[in-house]
Amino acid sequence: MSDLPIAPPAFDSSDPSVKPPVERGADVGVSCGLVLLELIALAVIVVLWPFLDHFNLDPATNVEPRSLWRYLPALGAVGVLAFAAAVIASRARATVTAVSQGAMAVLIAFAFFAGAALQSHQDEKERPVPAPTGPVGCRSGGDNSECARYGG
């Protein structure tokens, strides 16, 4: 009888450049833990920090309007950390962690840019309208004969 061909092993430990995949249970556990930590960090940045920043029991004090520019750098830092975790997890072949951290990085980036656009729009809306500098009623900016005030 002839010998049957032998299939190559699924994981060849002789090649040092190939890493074994991470165990699925550890991968899911790390993924859940990182997502939970990021959600806690986001809740602190978006809810608790602005609340404590503007918490005041004295009704006579003048309250400043809330601006997102103070909180967006911290939000961006959490997004960068999530992206770095996704890259590290993908190199370690932790698929669940890499996908979940990539999704968190995309969601945080969306929140970051949406917050920046919202605050920029709010800043433009609150900017005072420039007052006219010349005589009222001039059409082309020429001499005074064109202005309604001077009988032109």
N, C-alpha and C. Protein backbone atom coordinates (compact mmCIF):
# COMPACT_ATOMS: atom_id res chain seq x y z
N MET A 1 0.81 -1.18 0.00
CA MET A 1 0.00 0.00 0.00
C MET A 1 0.86 1.25 0.00
N SER A 2 0.27 2.29 -0.63
CA SER A 2 1.02 3.55 -0.67
C SER A 2 0.62 4.41 0.51
N ASP A 3 1.56 5.15 0.94
CA ASP A 3 1.28 6.07 2.05
C ASP A 3 0.47 7.26 1.56
N LEU A 4 -0.46 7.68 2.38
CA LEU A 4 -1.26 8.85 2.04
C LEU A 4 -0.41 10.11 2.21
N PRO A 5 -0.68 11.13 1.40
CA PRO A 5 0.10 12.36 1.57
C PRO A 5 -0.25 13.02 2.90
N ILE A 6 0.74 13.62 3.47
CA ILE A 6 0.57 14.27 4.76
C ILE A 6 0.37 15.77 4.52
N ALA A 7 -0.69 16.31 5.09
CA ALA A 7 -0.97 17.74 4.95
C ALA A 7 0.02 18.52 5.81
N PRO A 8 0.37 19.70 5.36
CA PRO A 8 1.27 20.52 6.18
C PRO A 8 0.56 20.93 7.47
N PRO A 9 1.31 21.14 8.51
CA PRO A 9 0.68 21.53 9.78
C PRO A 9 0.00 22.90 9.63
N ALA A 10 -1.06 23.09 10.41
CA ALA A 10 -1.81 24.34 10.35
C ALA A 10 -0.96 25.50 10.83
N PHE A 11 -0.12 25.26 11.80
CA PHE A 11 0.74 26.31 12.30
C PHE A 11 2.15 25.75 12.39
N ASP A 12 3.02 26.32 11.60
CA ASP A 12 4.40 25.86 11.57
C ASP A 12 5.20 26.73 12.52
N SER A 13 5.64 26.16 13.61
CA SER A 13 6.37 26.92 14.62
C SER A 13 7.82 27.17 14.23
N SER A 14 8.25 26.63 13.09
CA SER A 14 9.63 26.85 12.69
C SER A 14 9.83 28.25 12.09
N ASP A 15 8.76 28.89 11.62
CA ASP A 15 8.87 30.24 11.05
C ASP A 15 8.65 31.26 12.16
N PRO A 16 9.68 32.00 12.57
CA PRO A 16 9.51 32.94 13.70
C PRO A 16 8.71 34.19 13.32
N SER A 17 8.54 34.49 12.04
CA SER A 17 7.81 35.70 11.67
C SER A 17 6.30 35.52 11.76
N VAL A 18 5.81 34.30 11.79
CA VAL A 18 4.38 34.05 11.88
C VAL A 18 4.00 33.84 13.34
N LYS A 19 3.06 34.67 13.80
CA LYS A 19 2.61 34.57 15.19
C LYS A 19 1.34 33.74 15.25
N PRO A 20 1.17 32.98 16.29
CA PRO A 20 -0.09 32.23 16.43
C PRO A 20 -1.23 33.19 16.77
N PRO A 21 -2.44 32.86 16.36
CA PRO A 21 -3.56 33.73 16.72
C PRO A 21 -3.82 33.67 18.22
N VAL A 22 -4.36 34.76 18.73
CA VAL A 22 -4.68 34.85 20.15
C VAL A 22 -5.90 33.98 20.43
N GLU A 23 -5.97 33.40 21.62
CA GLU A 23 -7.13 32.59 21.98
C GLU A 23 -8.38 33.46 21.94
N ARG A 24 -9.47 32.89 21.46
CA ARG A 24 -10.69 33.65 21.23
C ARG A 24 -11.27 34.22 22.53
N GLY A 25 -11.21 33.48 23.61
CA GLY A 25 -11.75 33.97 24.88
C GLY A 25 -11.00 35.18 25.39
N ALA A 26 -9.67 35.13 25.32
CA ALA A 26 -8.87 36.27 25.75
C ALA A 26 -9.10 37.46 24.85
N ASP A 27 -9.26 37.20 23.56
CA ASP A 27 -9.50 38.27 22.60
C ASP A 27 -10.82 38.99 22.91
N VAL A 28 -11.87 38.24 23.15
CA VAL A 28 -13.17 38.83 23.46
C VAL A 28 -13.12 39.57 24.79
N GLY A 29 -12.43 39.01 25.77
CA GLY A 29 -12.31 39.66 27.07
C GLY A 29 -11.57 40.99 27.00
N VAL A 30 -10.47 41.01 26.28
CA VAL A 30 -9.72 42.26 26.12
C VAL A 30 -10.55 43.28 25.35
N SER A 31 -11.26 42.82 24.33
CA SER A 31 -12.10 43.71 23.54
C SER A 31 -13.18 44.36 24.41
N CYS A 32 -13.87 43.54 25.19
CA CYS A 32 -14.93 44.07 26.06
C CYS A 32 -14.36 45.03 27.10
N GLY A 33 -13.23 44.68 27.67
CA GLY A 33 -12.60 45.55 28.67
C GLY A 33 -12.19 46.89 28.09
N LEU A 34 -11.58 46.89 26.91
CA LEU A 34 -11.18 48.15 26.30
C LEU A 34 -12.37 49.01 25.90
N VAL A 35 -13.41 48.40 25.36
CA VAL A 35 -14.61 49.16 24.99
C VAL A 35 -15.24 49.76 26.24
N LEU A 36 -15.30 49.00 27.33
CA LEU A 36 -15.86 49.52 28.58
C LEU A 36 -15.04 50.70 29.10
N LEU A 37 -13.71 50.59 29.08
CA LEU A 37 -12.86 51.68 29.54
C LEU A 37 -13.02 52.92 28.66
N GLU A 38 -13.15 52.71 27.36
CA GLU A 38 -13.33 53.86 26.47
C GLU A 38 -14.69 54.52 26.67
N LEU A 39 -15.72 53.73 26.90
CA LEU A 39 -17.04 54.32 27.16
C LEU A 39 -17.05 55.11 28.47
N ILE A 40 -16.34 54.61 29.47
CA ILE A 40 -16.23 55.36 30.73
C ILE A 40 -15.48 56.66 30.50
N ALA A 41 -14.37 56.60 29.75
CA ALA A 41 -13.60 57.81 29.46
C ALA A 41 -14.44 58.81 28.67
N LEU A 42 -15.21 58.34 27.71
CA LEU A 42 -16.06 59.24 26.92
C LEU A 42 -17.16 59.86 27.78
N ALA A 43 -17.73 59.08 28.70
CA ALA A 43 -18.75 59.63 29.59
C ALA A 43 -18.16 60.71 30.50
N VAL A 44 -16.95 60.49 30.97
CA VAL A 44 -16.30 61.50 31.82
C VAL A 44 -16.03 62.76 31.01
N ILE A 45 -15.53 62.62 29.78
CA ILE A 45 -15.17 63.77 28.96
C ILE A 45 -16.40 64.54 28.49
N VAL A 46 -17.43 63.83 28.07
CA VAL A 46 -18.59 64.48 27.45
C VAL A 46 -19.64 64.92 28.46
N VAL A 47 -19.78 64.19 29.57
CA VAL A 47 -20.86 64.49 30.51
C VAL A 47 -20.34 65.05 31.83
N LEU A 48 -19.49 64.31 32.50
CA LEU A 48 -19.09 64.68 33.86
C LEU A 48 -18.19 65.92 33.89
N TRP A 49 -17.18 65.97 33.02
CA TRP A 49 -16.26 67.10 33.02
C TRP A 49 -16.98 68.43 32.73
N PRO A 50 -17.83 68.54 31.69
CA PRO A 50 -18.55 69.80 31.49
C PRO A 50 -19.49 70.14 32.64
N PHE A 51 -20.11 69.11 33.23
CA PHE A 51 -21.01 69.38 34.36
C PHE A 51 -20.24 69.96 35.53
N LEU A 52 -19.12 69.35 35.90
CA LEU A 52 -18.34 69.86 37.02
C LEU A 52 -17.66 71.18 36.68
N ASP A 53 -17.35 71.39 35.42
CA ASP A 53 -16.71 72.63 35.00
C ASP A 53 -17.65 73.82 35.15
N HIS A 54 -18.94 73.62 34.94
CA HIS A 54 -19.91 74.70 34.99
C HIS A 54 -20.85 74.59 36.18
N PHE A 55 -20.52 73.77 37.15
CA PHE A 55 -21.36 73.60 38.33
C PHE A 55 -21.18 74.81 39.24
N ASN A 56 -22.28 75.48 39.54
CA ASN A 56 -22.21 76.66 40.39
C ASN A 56 -23.56 76.82 41.08
N LEU A 57 -23.54 76.96 42.39
CA LEU A 57 -24.79 77.12 43.14
C LEU A 57 -25.16 78.58 43.36
N ASP A 58 -24.28 79.50 43.01
CA ASP A 58 -24.55 80.92 43.21
C ASP A 58 -25.28 81.47 41.99
N PRO A 59 -26.54 81.87 42.13
CA PRO A 59 -27.28 82.36 40.97
C PRO A 59 -26.83 83.75 40.51
N ALA A 60 -26.06 84.46 41.32
CA ALA A 60 -25.65 85.81 40.96
C ALA A 60 -24.43 85.82 40.04
N THR A 61 -23.72 84.71 39.95
CA THR A 61 -22.53 84.70 39.11
C THR A 61 -22.90 84.61 37.64
N ASN A 62 -22.06 85.19 36.82
CA ASN A 62 -22.27 85.15 35.38
C ASN A 62 -21.68 83.85 34.84
N VAL A 63 -22.51 83.04 34.22
CA VAL A 63 -22.07 81.74 33.72
C VAL A 63 -21.59 81.91 32.28
N GLU A 64 -20.40 81.40 32.00
CA GLU A 64 -19.86 81.46 30.64
C GLU A 64 -20.58 80.43 29.77
N PRO A 65 -20.74 80.74 28.50
CA PRO A 65 -21.34 79.73 27.61
C PRO A 65 -20.40 78.54 27.45
N ARG A 66 -20.97 77.38 27.29
CA ARG A 66 -20.16 76.16 27.17
C ARG A 66 -19.53 76.08 25.79
N SER A 67 -18.27 75.75 25.78
CA SER A 67 -17.54 75.61 24.54
C SER A 67 -16.91 74.22 24.49
N LEU A 68 -17.05 73.57 23.35
CA LEU A 68 -16.49 72.23 23.19
C LEU A 68 -14.99 72.23 22.96
N TRP A 69 -14.41 73.39 22.66
CA TRP A 69 -12.98 73.43 22.35
C TRP A 69 -12.13 72.95 23.52
N ARG A 70 -12.60 73.06 24.76
CA ARG A 70 -11.84 72.58 25.91
C ARG A 70 -11.82 71.06 26.00
N TYR A 71 -12.86 70.40 25.51
CA TYR A 71 -13.02 68.97 25.71
C TYR A 71 -12.61 68.14 24.48
N LEU A 72 -12.54 68.77 23.32
CA LEU A 72 -12.22 68.03 22.10
C LEU A 72 -10.81 67.43 22.10
N PRO A 73 -9.79 68.09 22.66
CA PRO A 73 -8.47 67.42 22.69
C PRO A 73 -8.48 66.11 23.47
N ALA A 74 -9.19 66.06 24.57
CA ALA A 74 -9.28 64.82 25.34
C ALA A 74 -10.04 63.75 24.56
N LEU A 75 -11.09 64.17 23.86
CA LEU A 75 -11.83 63.23 23.02
C LEU A 75 -10.94 62.69 21.90
N GLY A 76 -10.15 63.56 21.30
CA GLY A 76 -9.22 63.13 20.27
C GLY A 76 -8.16 62.19 20.79
N ALA A 77 -7.70 62.42 22.02
CA ALA A 77 -6.70 61.54 22.61
C ALA A 77 -7.26 60.13 22.82
N VAL A 78 -8.51 60.03 23.24
CA VAL A 78 -9.13 58.71 23.39
C VAL A 78 -9.26 58.03 22.03
N GLY A 79 -9.58 58.79 21.01
CA GLY A 79 -9.66 58.23 19.66
C GLY A 79 -8.32 57.73 19.16
N VAL A 80 -7.26 58.47 19.43
CA VAL A 80 -5.91 58.05 19.03
C VAL A 80 -5.51 56.78 19.77
N LEU A 81 -5.84 56.70 21.05
CA LEU A 81 -5.54 55.49 21.83
C LEU A 81 -6.32 54.29 21.30
N ALA A 82 -7.55 54.50 20.90
CA ALA A 82 -8.34 53.40 20.33
C ALA A 82 -7.75 52.93 19.01
N PHE A 83 -7.29 53.88 18.19
CA PHE A 83 -6.66 53.50 16.93
C PHE A 83 -5.36 52.74 17.17
N ALA A 84 -4.57 53.21 18.14
CA ALA A 84 -3.32 52.51 18.47
C ALA A 84 -3.60 51.10 18.98
N ALA A 85 -4.65 50.95 19.79
CA ALA A 85 -5.02 49.62 20.28
C ALA A 85 -5.46 48.72 19.13
N ALA A 86 -6.14 49.29 18.14
CA ALA A 86 -6.56 48.50 16.97
C ALA A 86 -5.35 48.03 16.18
N VAL A 87 -4.36 48.88 16.02
CA VAL A 87 -3.16 48.50 15.28
C VAL A 87 -2.38 47.42 16.03
N ILE A 88 -2.23 47.60 17.34
CA ILE A 88 -1.50 46.62 18.15
C ILE A 88 -2.24 45.28 18.14
N ALA A 89 -3.56 45.33 18.26
CA ALA A 89 -4.35 44.09 18.26
C ALA A 89 -4.28 43.38 16.92
N SER A 90 -4.26 44.13 15.84
CA SER A 90 -4.17 43.48 14.53
C SER A 90 -2.81 42.84 14.32
N ARG A 91 -1.77 43.44 14.85
CA ARG A 91 -0.44 42.83 14.75
C ARG A 91 -0.32 41.59 15.62
N ALA A 92 -1.08 41.57 16.72
CA ALA A 92 -1.07 40.40 17.60
C ALA A 92 -2.06 39.34 17.14
N ARG A 93 -2.76 39.60 16.04
CA ARG A 93 -3.76 38.70 15.47
C ARG A 93 -4.94 38.47 16.41
N ALA A 94 -5.29 39.51 17.14
CA ALA A 94 -6.48 39.49 17.99
C ALA A 94 -7.60 40.15 17.20
N THR A 95 -8.31 39.37 16.43
CA THR A 95 -9.25 39.88 15.44
C THR A 95 -10.41 40.65 16.07
N VAL A 96 -11.01 40.11 17.10
CA VAL A 96 -12.17 40.75 17.73
C VAL A 96 -11.77 42.09 18.32
N THR A 97 -10.64 42.14 18.99
CA THR A 97 -10.17 43.39 19.58
C THR A 97 -9.83 44.40 18.49
N ALA A 98 -9.19 43.96 17.42
CA ALA A 98 -8.83 44.88 16.35
C ALA A 98 -10.07 45.49 15.70
N VAL A 99 -11.08 44.68 15.47
CA VAL A 99 -12.31 45.19 14.83
C VAL A 99 -13.05 46.13 15.78
N SER A 100 -13.18 45.75 17.04
CA SER A 100 -13.92 46.60 17.98
C SER A 100 -13.19 47.91 18.22
N GLN A 101 -11.88 47.88 18.32
CA GLN A 101 -11.13 49.11 18.53
C GLN A 101 -11.12 49.98 17.27
N GLY A 102 -11.11 49.36 16.12
CA GLY A 102 -11.23 50.12 14.89
C GLY A 102 -12.58 50.82 14.79
N ALA A 103 -13.63 50.11 15.18
CA ALA A 103 -14.97 50.71 15.17
C ALA A 103 -15.06 51.86 16.19
N MET A 104 -14.48 51.66 17.36
CA MET A 104 -14.48 52.73 18.37
C MET A 104 -13.70 53.94 17.88
N ALA A 105 -12.56 53.70 17.22
CA ALA A 105 -11.76 54.82 16.70
C ALA A 105 -12.55 55.60 15.65
N VAL A 106 -13.28 54.91 14.79
CA VAL A 106 -14.08 55.59 13.77
C VAL A 106 -15.21 56.38 14.42
N LEU A 107 -15.89 55.79 15.39
CA LEU A 107 -16.98 56.50 16.08
C LEU A 107 -16.48 57.72 16.84
N ILE A 108 -15.34 57.59 17.50
CA ILE A 108 -14.79 58.72 18.24
C ILE A 108 -14.32 59.80 17.27
N ALA A 109 -13.74 59.42 16.15
CA ALA A 109 -13.33 60.41 15.15
C ALA A 109 -14.54 61.15 14.61
N PHE A 110 -15.64 60.42 14.36
CA PHE A 110 -16.87 61.07 13.91
C PHE A 110 -17.37 62.05 14.96
N ALA A 111 -17.38 61.66 16.24
CA ALA A 111 -17.82 62.56 17.31
C ALA A 111 -16.91 63.77 17.42
N PHE A 112 -15.60 63.56 17.24
CA PHE A 112 -14.64 64.65 17.31
C PHE A 112 -14.91 65.68 16.22
N PHE A 113 -15.02 65.23 14.97
CA PHE A 113 -15.23 66.16 13.87
C PHE A 113 -16.62 66.78 13.89
N ALA A 114 -17.62 66.04 14.33
CA ALA A 114 -18.96 66.61 14.46
C ALA A 114 -18.98 67.68 15.55
N GLY A 115 -18.30 67.42 16.67
CA GLY A 115 -18.21 68.42 17.73
C GLY A 115 -17.46 69.66 17.30
N ALA A 116 -16.38 69.48 16.55
CA ALA A 116 -15.62 70.63 16.06
C ALA A 116 -16.46 71.46 15.09
N ALA A 117 -17.20 70.79 14.20
CA ALA A 117 -18.06 71.52 13.26
C ALA A 117 -19.18 72.24 13.99
N LEU A 118 -19.77 71.58 14.98
CA LEU A 118 -20.85 72.21 15.75
C LEU A 118 -20.35 73.43 16.50
N GLN A 119 -19.20 73.32 17.14
CA GLN A 119 -18.67 74.45 17.90
C GLN A 119 -18.23 75.58 16.98
N SER A 120 -17.68 75.25 15.82
CA SER A 120 -17.29 76.28 14.86
C SER A 120 -18.53 77.03 14.35
N HIS A 121 -19.60 76.29 14.08
CA HIS A 121 -20.85 76.92 13.66
C HIS A 121 -21.40 77.81 14.76
N GLN A 122 -21.35 77.35 16.00
CA GLN A 122 -21.83 78.14 17.13
C GLN A 122 -21.00 79.40 17.31
N ASP A 123 -19.68 79.30 17.13
CA ASP A 123 -18.82 80.48 17.24
C ASP A 123 -19.13 81.50 16.15
N GLU A 124 -19.40 81.03 14.94
CA GLU A 124 -19.74 81.94 13.84
C GLU A 124 -21.08 82.62 14.10
N LYS A 125 -22.02 81.89 14.69
CA LYS A 125 -23.35 82.44 14.96
C LYS A 125 -23.29 83.52 16.04
N GLU A 126 -22.39 83.36 17.00
CA GLU A 126 -22.29 84.31 18.11
C GLU A 126 -21.41 85.51 17.78
N ARG A 127 -20.70 85.47 16.65
CA ARG A 127 -19.83 86.58 16.27
C ARG A 127 -20.70 87.78 15.92
N PRO A 128 -20.33 89.00 16.41
CA PRO A 128 -21.15 90.17 16.09
C PRO A 128 -21.06 90.54 14.61
N VAL A 129 -22.15 91.11 14.11
CA VAL A 129 -22.20 91.53 12.71
C VAL A 129 -21.38 92.81 12.59
N PRO A 130 -20.50 92.90 11.59
CA PRO A 130 -19.70 94.11 11.45
C PRO A 130 -20.57 95.33 11.13
N ALA A 131 -20.22 96.45 11.74
CA ALA A 131 -20.96 97.69 11.52
C ALA A 131 -20.44 98.37 10.26
N PRO A 132 -21.33 99.11 9.57
CA PRO A 132 -20.86 99.83 8.38
C PRO A 132 -19.86 100.91 8.78
N THR A 133 -18.85 101.11 7.97
CA THR A 133 -17.80 102.07 8.31
C THR A 133 -17.96 103.40 7.59
N GLY A 134 -18.60 103.42 6.46
CA GLY A 134 -18.76 104.65 5.69
C GLY A 134 -20.14 105.24 5.87
N PRO A 135 -20.42 106.29 5.10
CA PRO A 135 -21.76 106.87 5.17
C PRO A 135 -22.81 105.88 4.70
N VAL A 136 -23.96 105.95 5.31
CA VAL A 136 -25.04 105.01 5.00
C VAL A 136 -25.66 105.37 3.65
N GLY A 137 -25.89 104.39 2.81
CA GLY A 137 -26.58 104.60 1.55
C GLY A 137 -25.67 104.73 0.35
N CYS A 138 -24.37 104.64 0.48
CA CYS A 138 -23.47 104.73 -0.67
C CYS A 138 -23.57 103.45 -1.49
N ARG A 139 -23.53 103.58 -2.83
CA ARG A 139 -23.72 102.43 -3.68
C ARG A 139 -22.40 101.79 -4.09
N SER A 140 -21.46 102.53 -4.54
CA SER A 140 -20.27 101.90 -5.10
C SER A 140 -19.01 102.25 -4.33
N GLY A 141 -19.10 103.04 -3.34
CA GLY A 141 -17.91 103.42 -2.59
C GLY A 141 -17.16 104.56 -3.25
N GLY A 142 -17.79 105.27 -4.16
CA GLY A 142 -17.15 106.40 -4.84
C GLY A 142 -17.16 107.65 -3.98
N ASP A 143 -17.27 108.80 -4.62
CA ASP A 143 -17.28 110.05 -3.86
C ASP A 143 -18.63 110.28 -3.22
N ASN A 144 -18.75 111.39 -2.51
CA ASN A 144 -19.95 111.65 -1.73
C ASN A 144 -21.17 111.95 -2.59
N SER A 145 -21.01 112.24 -3.86
CA SER A 145 -22.17 112.56 -4.70
C SER A 145 -23.05 111.33 -4.92
N GLU A 146 -22.51 110.13 -4.73
CA GLU A 146 -23.29 108.91 -4.90
C GLU A 146 -24.05 108.52 -3.65
N CYS A 147 -23.77 109.13 -2.55
CA CYS A 147 -24.38 108.73 -1.28
C CYS A 147 -25.72 109.43 -1.10
N ALA A 148 -26.68 108.68 -0.56
CA ALA A 148 -28.02 109.20 -0.35
C ALA A 148 -28.03 110.28 0.72
N ARG A 149 -27.14 110.21 1.67
CA ARG A 149 -27.11 111.17 2.76
C ARG A 149 -26.73 112.57 2.26
N TYR A 150 -25.89 112.64 1.23
CA TYR A 150 -25.40 113.93 0.76
C TYR A 150 -26.16 114.43 -0.44
N GLY A 151 -27.32 113.87 -0.69
CA GLY A 151 -28.19 114.38 -1.75
C GLY A 151 -27.78 113.91 -3.15
N GLY A 152 -27.07 112.82 -3.25
CA GLY A 152 -26.60 112.36 -4.53
C GLY A 152 -27.58 111.60 -5.27
